[in-house]
Amino acid sequence: MARLRNSKPRSRSTLPGARAPAKAWQDFDANEDWAVKSKAVAVFNQKVGPYVARMEHYFGEFDLDNSHYTDSSDYKYFYVSEMHVELGARAELMTALSTIHKALVDEKWPYSYAIEWTTGGKESMNLIVPMKGYADLADPKPSVREVLTKTLGSQGAAAAVVRQFNRSFDSAMATVYVYRPDISTPK
């Protein structure tokens, strides 16, 4: 589940797959009441459960200061890279992330992405990239490194920021999720 950081809650979001829309905390009580009354868990277990290999539940906050996300009903797939932050590396990560985001925004990079931070447990940053189809998995042109090289003035400076970003994580896992309205929570 997710809520927005530094923003008023939105009523609807296409951010990905089986996620709850951004809500105010008190809305979770109403959602829980709906789930009990509608027997949503039993329906999920019967209709969806047989097709699920792994399920997890967590709270996350979208980092609007470091995201460039354009909402669209055309998004069908979501590439999610879950990266576990190395102990003590948060400050270094935030410096690199801010540099990368600023370069992408300044150069008007046309691709949409969102940053989400997990709340509780091991600190993780999720990079969420919405896609209309699998063809969107192709390397973007220009690449992030190319944009950084242009903005920072050299390949060496760009490589240093990428290294700083990458060494902030001790592990990562990537998944592509598909949005299926026929098995999603009704609006």
N, C-alpha and C. Protein backbone atom coordinates (compact mmCIF):
# COMPACT_ATOMS: atom_id res chain seq x y z
N MET A 1 0.84 -1.17 0.00
CA MET A 1 0.00 0.00 0.00
C MET A 1 0.88 1.22 0.00
N ALA A 2 0.32 2.33 -0.40
CA ALA A 2 1.17 3.50 -0.52
C ALA A 2 0.40 4.77 -0.21
N ARG A 3 1.13 5.75 0.27
CA ARG A 3 0.58 7.08 0.40
C ARG A 3 1.64 8.05 -0.10
N LEU A 4 1.23 9.24 -0.39
CA LEU A 4 2.15 10.23 -0.94
C LEU A 4 2.87 10.98 0.17
N ARG A 5 4.15 11.24 -0.04
CA ARG A 5 4.92 12.06 0.87
C ARG A 5 4.88 13.49 0.34
N ASN A 6 4.81 14.46 1.22
CA ASN A 6 4.84 15.88 0.85
C ASN A 6 3.68 16.28 -0.05
N SER A 7 2.52 15.69 0.17
CA SER A 7 1.40 15.99 -0.69
C SER A 7 0.10 15.63 0.00
N LYS A 8 -0.98 16.24 -0.45
CA LYS A 8 -2.29 15.82 0.01
C LYS A 8 -2.60 14.49 -0.67
N PRO A 9 -3.34 13.61 0.00
CA PRO A 9 -3.66 12.32 -0.62
C PRO A 9 -4.44 12.50 -1.92
N ARG A 10 -4.15 11.65 -2.89
CA ARG A 10 -4.91 11.63 -4.13
C ARG A 10 -6.01 10.59 -3.98
N SER A 11 -7.08 10.77 -4.71
CA SER A 11 -8.18 9.83 -4.58
C SER A 11 -7.97 8.59 -5.43
N ARG A 12 -7.13 8.68 -6.47
CA ARG A 12 -6.95 7.54 -7.36
C ARG A 12 -5.55 7.57 -7.94
N SER A 13 -4.98 6.43 -8.11
CA SER A 13 -3.66 6.33 -8.71
C SER A 13 -3.57 5.03 -9.48
N THR A 14 -2.88 5.06 -10.61
CA THR A 14 -2.67 3.81 -11.34
C THR A 14 -1.37 3.15 -10.94
N LEU A 15 -0.67 3.69 -9.93
CA LEU A 15 0.56 3.04 -9.48
C LEU A 15 0.25 1.65 -8.99
N PRO A 16 1.21 0.78 -9.14
CA PRO A 16 1.04 -0.42 -9.91
C PRO A 16 0.29 -1.56 -9.27
N GLY A 17 -0.17 -2.40 -10.15
CA GLY A 17 -0.69 -3.70 -9.81
C GLY A 17 -1.71 -3.72 -8.70
N ALA A 18 -1.42 -4.48 -7.68
CA ALA A 18 -2.38 -4.70 -6.60
C ALA A 18 -2.13 -3.72 -5.45
N ARG A 19 -1.87 -2.49 -5.76
CA ARG A 19 -1.63 -1.49 -4.73
C ARG A 19 -2.92 -0.75 -4.42
N ALA A 20 -3.04 -0.31 -3.19
CA ALA A 20 -4.18 0.52 -2.81
C ALA A 20 -3.89 1.94 -3.28
N PRO A 21 -4.91 2.66 -3.67
CA PRO A 21 -4.68 4.06 -4.03
C PRO A 21 -4.19 4.85 -2.83
N ALA A 22 -3.54 5.97 -3.11
CA ALA A 22 -3.05 6.82 -2.04
C ALA A 22 -4.22 7.29 -1.20
N LYS A 23 -4.08 7.18 0.11
CA LYS A 23 -5.19 7.49 1.01
C LYS A 23 -4.68 8.23 2.23
N ALA A 24 -5.63 8.83 2.95
CA ALA A 24 -5.33 9.33 4.28
C ALA A 24 -5.41 8.14 5.22
N TRP A 25 -4.68 8.20 6.32
CA TRP A 25 -4.61 7.04 7.21
C TRP A 25 -5.98 6.57 7.68
N GLN A 26 -6.91 7.49 7.96
CA GLN A 26 -8.23 7.07 8.46
C GLN A 26 -9.01 6.28 7.41
N ASP A 27 -8.65 6.42 6.14
CA ASP A 27 -9.33 5.66 5.09
C ASP A 27 -9.02 4.16 5.18
N PHE A 28 -7.93 3.80 5.82
CA PHE A 28 -7.61 2.38 5.95
C PHE A 28 -8.61 1.66 6.84
N ASP A 29 -9.16 2.37 7.83
CA ASP A 29 -10.20 1.76 8.67
C ASP A 29 -11.43 1.43 7.84
N ALA A 30 -11.85 2.38 6.99
CA ALA A 30 -13.01 2.15 6.13
C ALA A 30 -12.73 1.01 5.16
N ASN A 31 -11.52 0.93 4.64
CA ASN A 31 -11.15 -0.14 3.73
C ASN A 31 -11.21 -1.50 4.44
N GLU A 32 -10.73 -1.53 5.67
CA GLU A 32 -10.77 -2.77 6.45
C GLU A 32 -12.21 -3.21 6.69
N ASP A 33 -13.10 -2.25 7.03
CA ASP A 33 -14.52 -2.56 7.22
C ASP A 33 -15.12 -3.13 5.93
N TRP A 34 -14.79 -2.51 4.79
CA TRP A 34 -15.29 -3.00 3.49
C TRP A 34 -14.80 -4.43 3.24
N ALA A 35 -13.51 -4.68 3.52
CA ALA A 35 -12.94 -6.00 3.27
C ALA A 35 -13.64 -7.08 4.08
N VAL A 36 -13.97 -6.77 5.35
CA VAL A 36 -14.65 -7.74 6.20
C VAL A 36 -16.08 -7.99 5.70
N LYS A 37 -16.82 -6.89 5.45
CA LYS A 37 -18.22 -7.02 5.02
C LYS A 37 -18.36 -7.71 3.67
N SER A 38 -17.45 -7.44 2.76
CA SER A 38 -17.55 -8.01 1.41
C SER A 38 -16.90 -9.38 1.30
N LYS A 39 -16.27 -9.83 2.40
CA LYS A 39 -15.55 -11.11 2.40
C LYS A 39 -14.46 -11.13 1.31
N ALA A 40 -13.79 -9.98 1.19
CA ALA A 40 -12.78 -9.81 0.13
C ALA A 40 -11.65 -10.83 0.22
N VAL A 41 -11.24 -11.17 1.43
CA VAL A 41 -10.13 -12.12 1.57
C VAL A 41 -10.53 -13.49 1.04
N ALA A 42 -11.75 -13.93 1.37
CA ALA A 42 -12.22 -15.23 0.87
C ALA A 42 -12.33 -15.23 -0.65
N VAL A 43 -12.83 -14.14 -1.21
CA VAL A 43 -12.95 -14.04 -2.67
C VAL A 43 -11.56 -14.04 -3.30
N PHE A 44 -10.64 -13.27 -2.71
CA PHE A 44 -9.26 -13.24 -3.22
C PHE A 44 -8.65 -14.64 -3.18
N ASN A 45 -8.77 -15.29 -2.03
CA ASN A 45 -8.18 -16.62 -1.88
C ASN A 45 -8.75 -17.62 -2.89
N GLN A 46 -10.03 -17.49 -3.18
CA GLN A 46 -10.68 -18.42 -4.11
C GLN A 46 -10.32 -18.13 -5.57
N LYS A 47 -10.39 -16.85 -5.95
CA LYS A 47 -10.22 -16.50 -7.36
C LYS A 47 -8.80 -16.17 -7.77
N VAL A 48 -8.04 -15.57 -6.88
CA VAL A 48 -6.70 -15.11 -7.23
C VAL A 48 -5.63 -15.98 -6.57
N GLY A 49 -5.88 -16.40 -5.35
CA GLY A 49 -4.91 -17.15 -4.57
C GLY A 49 -4.22 -18.29 -5.29
N PRO A 50 -4.95 -19.10 -6.07
CA PRO A 50 -4.29 -20.22 -6.75
C PRO A 50 -3.20 -19.79 -7.74
N TYR A 51 -3.23 -18.53 -8.16
CA TYR A 51 -2.27 -18.05 -9.15
C TYR A 51 -1.14 -17.23 -8.53
N VAL A 52 -1.13 -17.10 -7.21
CA VAL A 52 -0.16 -16.25 -6.53
C VAL A 52 0.93 -17.11 -5.90
N ALA A 53 2.17 -16.86 -6.28
CA ALA A 53 3.29 -17.60 -5.71
C ALA A 53 3.78 -16.95 -4.43
N ARG A 54 3.69 -15.62 -4.35
CA ARG A 54 4.17 -14.89 -3.18
C ARG A 54 3.36 -13.62 -3.03
N MET A 55 3.05 -13.27 -1.82
CA MET A 55 2.30 -12.04 -1.56
C MET A 55 2.93 -11.35 -0.37
N GLU A 56 2.98 -10.03 -0.42
CA GLU A 56 3.49 -9.29 0.72
C GLU A 56 2.64 -8.06 0.95
N HIS A 57 2.67 -7.58 2.15
CA HIS A 57 1.89 -6.40 2.53
C HIS A 57 2.84 -5.44 3.24
N TYR A 58 2.87 -4.22 2.81
CA TYR A 58 3.70 -3.21 3.46
C TYR A 58 3.11 -1.85 3.21
N PHE A 59 3.59 -0.89 3.94
CA PHE A 59 3.23 0.50 3.70
C PHE A 59 4.42 1.19 3.06
N GLY A 60 4.14 2.10 2.17
CA GLY A 60 5.20 2.85 1.52
C GLY A 60 4.76 4.28 1.32
N GLU A 61 5.72 5.15 1.13
CA GLU A 61 5.45 6.55 0.86
C GLU A 61 6.11 6.93 -0.46
N PHE A 62 5.34 7.57 -1.33
CA PHE A 62 5.91 8.06 -2.58
C PHE A 62 6.69 9.33 -2.30
N ASP A 63 7.86 9.40 -2.89
CA ASP A 63 8.76 10.53 -2.73
C ASP A 63 8.56 11.45 -3.93
N LEU A 64 7.67 12.41 -3.76
CA LEU A 64 7.34 13.31 -4.87
C LEU A 64 8.49 14.25 -5.22
N ASP A 65 9.40 14.48 -4.26
CA ASP A 65 10.54 15.35 -4.53
C ASP A 65 11.54 14.72 -5.49
N ASN A 66 11.51 13.40 -5.63
CA ASN A 66 12.48 12.71 -6.48
C ASN A 66 11.80 11.82 -7.52
N SER A 67 10.55 12.10 -7.82
CA SER A 67 9.80 11.32 -8.81
C SER A 67 9.35 12.22 -9.95
N HIS A 68 9.17 11.60 -11.09
CA HIS A 68 8.60 12.29 -12.26
C HIS A 68 7.57 11.32 -12.84
N TYR A 69 6.39 11.34 -12.24
CA TYR A 69 5.37 10.36 -12.59
C TYR A 69 4.18 11.05 -13.25
N THR A 70 3.84 10.57 -14.43
CA THR A 70 2.67 11.06 -15.15
C THR A 70 1.61 9.96 -15.09
N ASP A 71 0.49 10.24 -14.46
CA ASP A 71 -0.57 9.24 -14.33
C ASP A 71 -1.22 9.02 -15.69
N SER A 72 -1.49 7.77 -16.02
CA SER A 72 -2.12 7.45 -17.30
C SER A 72 -2.89 6.14 -17.18
N SER A 73 -4.07 6.10 -17.75
CA SER A 73 -4.84 4.85 -17.76
C SER A 73 -4.30 3.87 -18.80
N ASP A 74 -3.32 4.31 -19.61
CA ASP A 74 -2.71 3.43 -20.62
C ASP A 74 -1.67 2.49 -20.03
N TYR A 75 -1.22 2.74 -18.80
CA TYR A 75 -0.21 1.88 -18.20
C TYR A 75 -0.80 0.51 -17.89
N LYS A 76 -0.13 -0.52 -18.38
CA LYS A 76 -0.59 -1.89 -18.14
C LYS A 76 0.45 -2.68 -17.34
N TYR A 77 1.70 -2.33 -17.48
CA TYR A 77 2.79 -3.03 -16.81
C TYR A 77 3.57 -2.05 -15.94
N PHE A 78 4.17 -2.58 -14.88
CA PHE A 78 4.97 -1.76 -13.98
C PHE A 78 6.24 -2.51 -13.63
N TYR A 79 7.37 -1.94 -14.02
CA TYR A 79 8.67 -2.48 -13.65
C TYR A 79 8.98 -1.91 -12.27
N VAL A 80 9.22 -2.78 -11.30
CA VAL A 80 9.52 -2.34 -9.94
C VAL A 80 10.85 -2.94 -9.53
N SER A 81 11.80 -2.08 -9.24
CA SER A 81 13.09 -2.50 -8.72
C SER A 81 13.12 -2.16 -7.23
N GLU A 82 13.12 -3.20 -6.40
CA GLU A 82 13.16 -3.03 -4.95
C GLU A 82 14.62 -3.12 -4.51
N MET A 83 15.14 -2.00 -4.01
CA MET A 83 16.55 -1.92 -3.65
C MET A 83 16.69 -1.69 -2.14
N HIS A 84 17.42 -2.56 -1.48
CA HIS A 84 17.61 -2.48 -0.03
C HIS A 84 18.79 -1.58 0.26
N VAL A 85 18.54 -0.54 1.04
CA VAL A 85 19.56 0.47 1.32
C VAL A 85 20.60 -0.10 2.29
N GLU A 86 21.87 0.06 1.92
CA GLU A 86 23.00 -0.35 2.77
C GLU A 86 22.96 0.47 4.06
N LEU A 87 23.22 -0.18 5.16
CA LEU A 87 23.22 0.48 6.46
C LEU A 87 24.19 1.66 6.44
N GLY A 88 23.70 2.83 6.80
CA GLY A 88 24.53 4.03 6.84
C GLY A 88 24.70 4.75 5.52
N ALA A 89 24.04 4.28 4.47
CA ALA A 89 24.25 4.85 3.13
C ALA A 89 23.14 5.82 2.69
N ARG A 90 22.18 6.10 3.56
CA ARG A 90 21.03 6.93 3.15
C ARG A 90 21.45 8.32 2.67
N ALA A 91 22.34 8.99 3.38
CA ALA A 91 22.74 10.34 2.98
C ALA A 91 23.40 10.35 1.61
N GLU A 92 24.30 9.40 1.39
CA GLU A 92 24.98 9.28 0.09
C GLU A 92 23.97 8.98 -1.02
N LEU A 93 23.03 8.10 -0.73
CA LEU A 93 21.98 7.76 -1.69
C LEU A 93 21.15 8.99 -2.04
N MET A 94 20.75 9.76 -1.04
CA MET A 94 19.89 10.92 -1.29
C MET A 94 20.62 11.97 -2.12
N THR A 95 21.92 12.13 -1.90
CA THR A 95 22.70 13.07 -2.71
C THR A 95 22.71 12.63 -4.17
N ALA A 96 22.99 11.35 -4.40
CA ALA A 96 23.02 10.83 -5.78
C ALA A 96 21.63 10.89 -6.42
N LEU A 97 20.61 10.48 -5.67
CA LEU A 97 19.25 10.48 -6.20
C LEU A 97 18.80 11.89 -6.58
N SER A 98 19.11 12.85 -5.74
CA SER A 98 18.76 14.24 -6.02
C SER A 98 19.47 14.74 -7.28
N THR A 99 20.74 14.39 -7.44
CA THR A 99 21.50 14.80 -8.63
C THR A 99 20.91 14.18 -9.89
N ILE A 100 20.59 12.90 -9.82
CA ILE A 100 20.01 12.20 -10.98
C ILE A 100 18.65 12.79 -11.33
N HIS A 101 17.80 12.96 -10.33
CA HIS A 101 16.45 13.49 -10.58
C HIS A 101 16.52 14.91 -11.17
N LYS A 102 17.37 15.75 -10.60
CA LYS A 102 17.49 17.13 -11.11
C LYS A 102 17.94 17.13 -12.57
N ALA A 103 18.90 16.28 -12.91
CA ALA A 103 19.38 16.21 -14.30
C ALA A 103 18.25 15.78 -15.23
N LEU A 104 17.49 14.77 -14.82
CA LEU A 104 16.40 14.27 -15.67
C LEU A 104 15.31 15.32 -15.85
N VAL A 105 14.99 16.05 -14.79
CA VAL A 105 13.97 17.10 -14.87
C VAL A 105 14.49 18.28 -15.70
N ASP A 106 15.72 18.71 -15.45
CA ASP A 106 16.29 19.84 -16.19
C ASP A 106 16.36 19.56 -17.68
N GLU A 107 16.65 18.32 -18.05
CA GLU A 107 16.75 17.96 -19.46
C GLU A 107 15.41 17.51 -20.06
N LYS A 108 14.35 17.61 -19.24
CA LYS A 108 12.99 17.23 -19.69
C LYS A 108 12.96 15.80 -20.25
N TRP A 109 13.59 14.89 -19.51
CA TRP A 109 13.59 13.47 -19.88
C TRP A 109 12.15 13.01 -19.95
N PRO A 110 11.72 12.38 -21.03
CA PRO A 110 10.29 12.13 -21.25
C PRO A 110 9.70 10.90 -20.55
N TYR A 111 10.52 10.18 -19.77
CA TYR A 111 10.04 8.92 -19.19
C TYR A 111 9.52 9.13 -17.77
N SER A 112 8.49 8.39 -17.44
CA SER A 112 7.85 8.48 -16.14
C SER A 112 8.48 7.49 -15.16
N TYR A 113 8.67 7.92 -13.91
CA TYR A 113 9.18 7.04 -12.86
C TYR A 113 8.74 7.58 -11.51
N ALA A 114 8.64 6.68 -10.56
CA ALA A 114 8.29 7.08 -9.19
C ALA A 114 9.26 6.42 -8.23
N ILE A 115 9.56 7.13 -7.16
CA ILE A 115 10.37 6.60 -6.07
C ILE A 115 9.45 6.40 -4.88
N GLU A 116 9.54 5.21 -4.28
CA GLU A 116 8.73 4.89 -3.11
C GLU A 116 9.66 4.34 -2.03
N TRP A 117 9.44 4.77 -0.79
CA TRP A 117 10.22 4.29 0.36
C TRP A 117 9.32 3.41 1.21
N THR A 118 9.81 2.23 1.58
CA THR A 118 9.03 1.37 2.46
C THR A 118 9.06 1.95 3.87
N THR A 119 7.99 1.72 4.59
CA THR A 119 7.85 2.20 5.96
C THR A 119 7.90 1.01 6.88
N GLY A 120 8.89 0.96 7.74
CA GLY A 120 9.07 -0.17 8.65
C GLY A 120 9.92 -1.24 8.02
N GLY A 121 10.56 -2.03 8.87
CA GLY A 121 11.41 -3.10 8.36
C GLY A 121 12.70 -2.56 7.77
N LYS A 122 13.37 -3.37 6.96
CA LYS A 122 14.61 -2.96 6.32
C LYS A 122 14.31 -1.84 5.33
N GLU A 123 15.09 -0.78 5.40
CA GLU A 123 14.84 0.36 4.53
C GLU A 123 15.05 -0.03 3.07
N SER A 124 14.03 0.21 2.27
CA SER A 124 14.09 -0.10 0.85
C SER A 124 13.57 1.07 0.04
N MET A 125 14.14 1.21 -1.13
CA MET A 125 13.66 2.19 -2.10
C MET A 125 13.16 1.42 -3.31
N ASN A 126 11.95 1.70 -3.72
CA ASN A 126 11.41 1.09 -4.93
C ASN A 126 11.44 2.11 -6.06
N LEU A 127 12.00 1.70 -7.17
CA LEU A 127 11.95 2.49 -8.40
C LEU A 127 10.84 1.88 -9.23
N ILE A 128 9.82 2.66 -9.53
CA ILE A 128 8.64 2.17 -10.25
C ILE A 128 8.58 2.85 -11.61
N VAL A 129 8.59 2.03 -12.66
CA VAL A 129 8.56 2.56 -14.02
C VAL A 129 7.31 2.00 -14.71
N PRO A 130 6.33 2.86 -15.00
CA PRO A 130 5.12 2.39 -15.66
C PRO A 130 5.37 2.17 -17.15
N MET A 131 4.65 1.19 -17.71
CA MET A 131 4.85 0.86 -19.13
C MET A 131 3.50 0.56 -19.78
N LYS A 132 3.41 0.88 -21.04
CA LYS A 132 2.20 0.55 -21.82
C LYS A 132 2.30 -0.85 -22.41
N GLY A 133 3.53 -1.34 -22.58
CA GLY A 133 3.77 -2.67 -23.14
C GLY A 133 5.19 -3.10 -22.85
N TYR A 134 5.51 -4.34 -23.14
CA TYR A 134 6.84 -4.86 -22.87
C TYR A 134 7.92 -4.14 -23.68
N ALA A 135 7.57 -3.55 -24.81
CA ALA A 135 8.55 -2.81 -25.60
C ALA A 135 9.15 -1.66 -24.80
N ASP A 136 8.42 -1.17 -23.79
CA ASP A 136 8.93 -0.09 -22.95
C ASP A 136 10.08 -0.53 -22.05
N LEU A 137 10.38 -1.84 -22.02
CA LEU A 137 11.54 -2.33 -21.26
C LEU A 137 12.86 -2.05 -21.97
N ALA A 138 12.79 -1.67 -23.23
CA ALA A 138 14.02 -1.35 -23.97
C ALA A 138 14.73 -0.17 -23.30
N ASP A 139 16.05 -0.13 -23.45
CA ASP A 139 16.82 0.97 -22.85
C ASP A 139 16.32 2.30 -23.38
N PRO A 140 16.09 3.26 -22.50
CA PRO A 140 15.58 4.57 -22.95
C PRO A 140 16.65 5.33 -23.73
N LYS A 141 16.19 6.15 -24.62
CA LYS A 141 17.08 7.03 -25.38
C LYS A 141 16.61 8.47 -25.18
N PRO A 142 17.40 9.33 -24.62
CA PRO A 142 18.73 9.08 -24.10
C PRO A 142 18.67 8.33 -22.77
N SER A 143 19.76 7.65 -22.44
CA SER A 143 19.83 6.91 -21.18
C SER A 143 20.06 7.88 -20.02
N VAL A 144 19.86 7.40 -18.81
CA VAL A 144 20.11 8.22 -17.63
C VAL A 144 21.58 8.65 -17.61
N ARG A 145 22.48 7.74 -17.92
CA ARG A 145 23.91 8.09 -17.93
C ARG A 145 24.20 9.17 -18.99
N GLU A 146 23.57 9.08 -20.16
CA GLU A 146 23.77 10.11 -21.19
C GLU A 146 23.27 11.47 -20.72
N VAL A 147 22.12 11.49 -20.05
CA VAL A 147 21.59 12.75 -19.52
C VAL A 147 22.52 13.31 -18.45
N LEU A 148 23.00 12.45 -17.56
CA LEU A 148 23.94 12.90 -16.53
C LEU A 148 25.23 13.43 -17.14
N THR A 149 25.75 12.75 -18.16
CA THR A 149 26.98 13.21 -18.83
C THR A 149 26.78 14.61 -19.39
N LYS A 150 25.66 14.83 -20.04
CA LYS A 150 25.37 16.16 -20.61
C LYS A 150 25.24 17.21 -19.51
N THR A 151 24.50 16.89 -18.46
CA THR A 151 24.24 17.84 -17.39
C THR A 151 25.48 18.14 -16.56
N LEU A 152 26.25 17.09 -16.25
CA LEU A 152 27.42 17.26 -15.37
C LEU A 152 28.69 17.61 -16.13
N GLY A 153 28.67 17.46 -17.46
CA GLY A 153 29.79 17.91 -18.27
C GLY A 153 30.85 16.89 -18.61
N SER A 154 30.78 15.68 -18.04
CA SER A 154 31.77 14.67 -18.40
C SER A 154 31.25 13.27 -18.07
N GLN A 155 31.82 12.29 -18.79
CA GLN A 155 31.46 10.89 -18.53
C GLN A 155 31.95 10.47 -17.15
N GLY A 156 33.07 10.99 -16.73
CA GLY A 156 33.62 10.66 -15.42
C GLY A 156 32.72 11.12 -14.28
N ALA A 157 32.20 12.33 -14.39
CA ALA A 157 31.31 12.86 -13.36
C ALA A 157 30.00 12.05 -13.32
N ALA A 158 29.49 11.71 -14.49
CA ALA A 158 28.27 10.90 -14.56
C ALA A 158 28.50 9.52 -13.94
N ALA A 159 29.63 8.90 -14.28
CA ALA A 159 29.96 7.58 -13.74
C ALA A 159 30.09 7.63 -12.22
N ALA A 160 30.63 8.72 -11.68
CA ALA A 160 30.80 8.85 -10.23
C ALA A 160 29.44 8.90 -9.53
N VAL A 161 28.50 9.60 -10.11
CA VAL A 161 27.15 9.69 -9.51
C VAL A 161 26.46 8.33 -9.59
N VAL A 162 26.58 7.65 -10.71
CA VAL A 162 25.99 6.31 -10.86
C VAL A 162 26.60 5.34 -9.85
N ARG A 163 27.93 5.40 -9.67
CA ARG A 163 28.60 4.55 -8.67
C ARG A 163 28.10 4.87 -7.26
N GLN A 164 27.98 6.16 -6.96
CA GLN A 164 27.50 6.59 -5.64
C GLN A 164 26.09 6.04 -5.39
N PHE A 165 25.25 6.12 -6.39
CA PHE A 165 23.88 5.59 -6.29
C PHE A 165 23.91 4.08 -6.07
N ASN A 166 24.62 3.37 -6.94
CA ASN A 166 24.64 1.90 -6.89
C ASN A 166 25.24 1.34 -5.60
N ARG A 167 26.28 1.98 -5.07
CA ARG A 167 26.90 1.44 -3.86
C ARG A 167 26.09 1.73 -2.60
N SER A 168 24.98 2.42 -2.75
CA SER A 168 24.10 2.70 -1.61
C SER A 168 23.20 1.52 -1.26
N PHE A 169 23.23 0.48 -2.09
CA PHE A 169 22.34 -0.67 -1.90
C PHE A 169 23.15 -1.93 -1.65
N ASP A 170 22.62 -2.81 -0.78
CA ASP A 170 23.29 -4.08 -0.56
C ASP A 170 22.63 -5.23 -1.31
N SER A 171 21.42 -5.01 -1.81
CA SER A 171 20.76 -6.02 -2.64
C SER A 171 19.61 -5.37 -3.39
N ALA A 172 19.18 -6.04 -4.44
CA ALA A 172 18.06 -5.52 -5.25
C ALA A 172 17.34 -6.69 -5.91
N MET A 173 16.07 -6.45 -6.20
CA MET A 173 15.24 -7.45 -6.88
C MET A 173 14.29 -6.68 -7.81
N ALA A 174 14.16 -7.15 -9.03
CA ALA A 174 13.28 -6.48 -9.99
C ALA A 174 12.16 -7.42 -10.42
N THR A 175 10.98 -6.84 -10.60
CA THR A 175 9.80 -7.59 -11.02
C THR A 175 9.00 -6.74 -11.98
N VAL A 176 8.34 -7.38 -12.93
CA VAL A 176 7.38 -6.68 -13.79
C VAL A 176 5.99 -7.15 -13.37
N TYR A 177 5.16 -6.18 -12.99
CA TYR A 177 3.78 -6.47 -12.59
C TYR A 177 2.85 -6.08 -13.72
N VAL A 178 1.76 -6.81 -13.86
CA VAL A 178 0.75 -6.47 -14.85
C VAL A 178 -0.51 -6.01 -14.12
N TYR A 179 -1.10 -4.94 -14.61
CA TYR A 179 -2.34 -4.45 -14.04
C TYR A 179 -3.49 -5.19 -14.70
N ARG A 180 -4.28 -5.87 -13.90
CA ARG A 180 -5.43 -6.65 -14.40
C ARG A 180 -6.70 -6.10 -13.75
N PRO A 181 -7.45 -5.25 -14.46
CA PRO A 181 -8.68 -4.70 -13.88
C PRO A 181 -9.68 -5.79 -13.46
N ASP A 182 -9.66 -6.93 -14.17
CA ASP A 182 -10.64 -7.98 -13.87
C ASP A 182 -10.38 -8.68 -12.54
N ILE A 183 -9.18 -8.54 -11.98
CA ILE A 183 -8.92 -9.15 -10.67
C ILE A 183 -8.45 -8.12 -9.65
N SER A 184 -8.65 -6.83 -9.94
CA SER A 184 -8.23 -5.77 -9.04
C SER A 184 -9.39 -5.35 -8.15
N THR A 185 -9.03 -4.66 -7.06
CA THR A 185 -10.04 -4.15 -6.14
C THR A 185 -10.94 -3.17 -6.87
N PRO A 186 -12.26 -3.31 -6.74
CA PRO A 186 -13.16 -2.38 -7.42
C PRO A 186 -13.03 -0.97 -6.86
N LYS A 187 -13.37 0.00 -7.70
CA LYS A 187 -13.28 1.40 -7.28
C LYS A 187 -14.47 1.76 -6.43
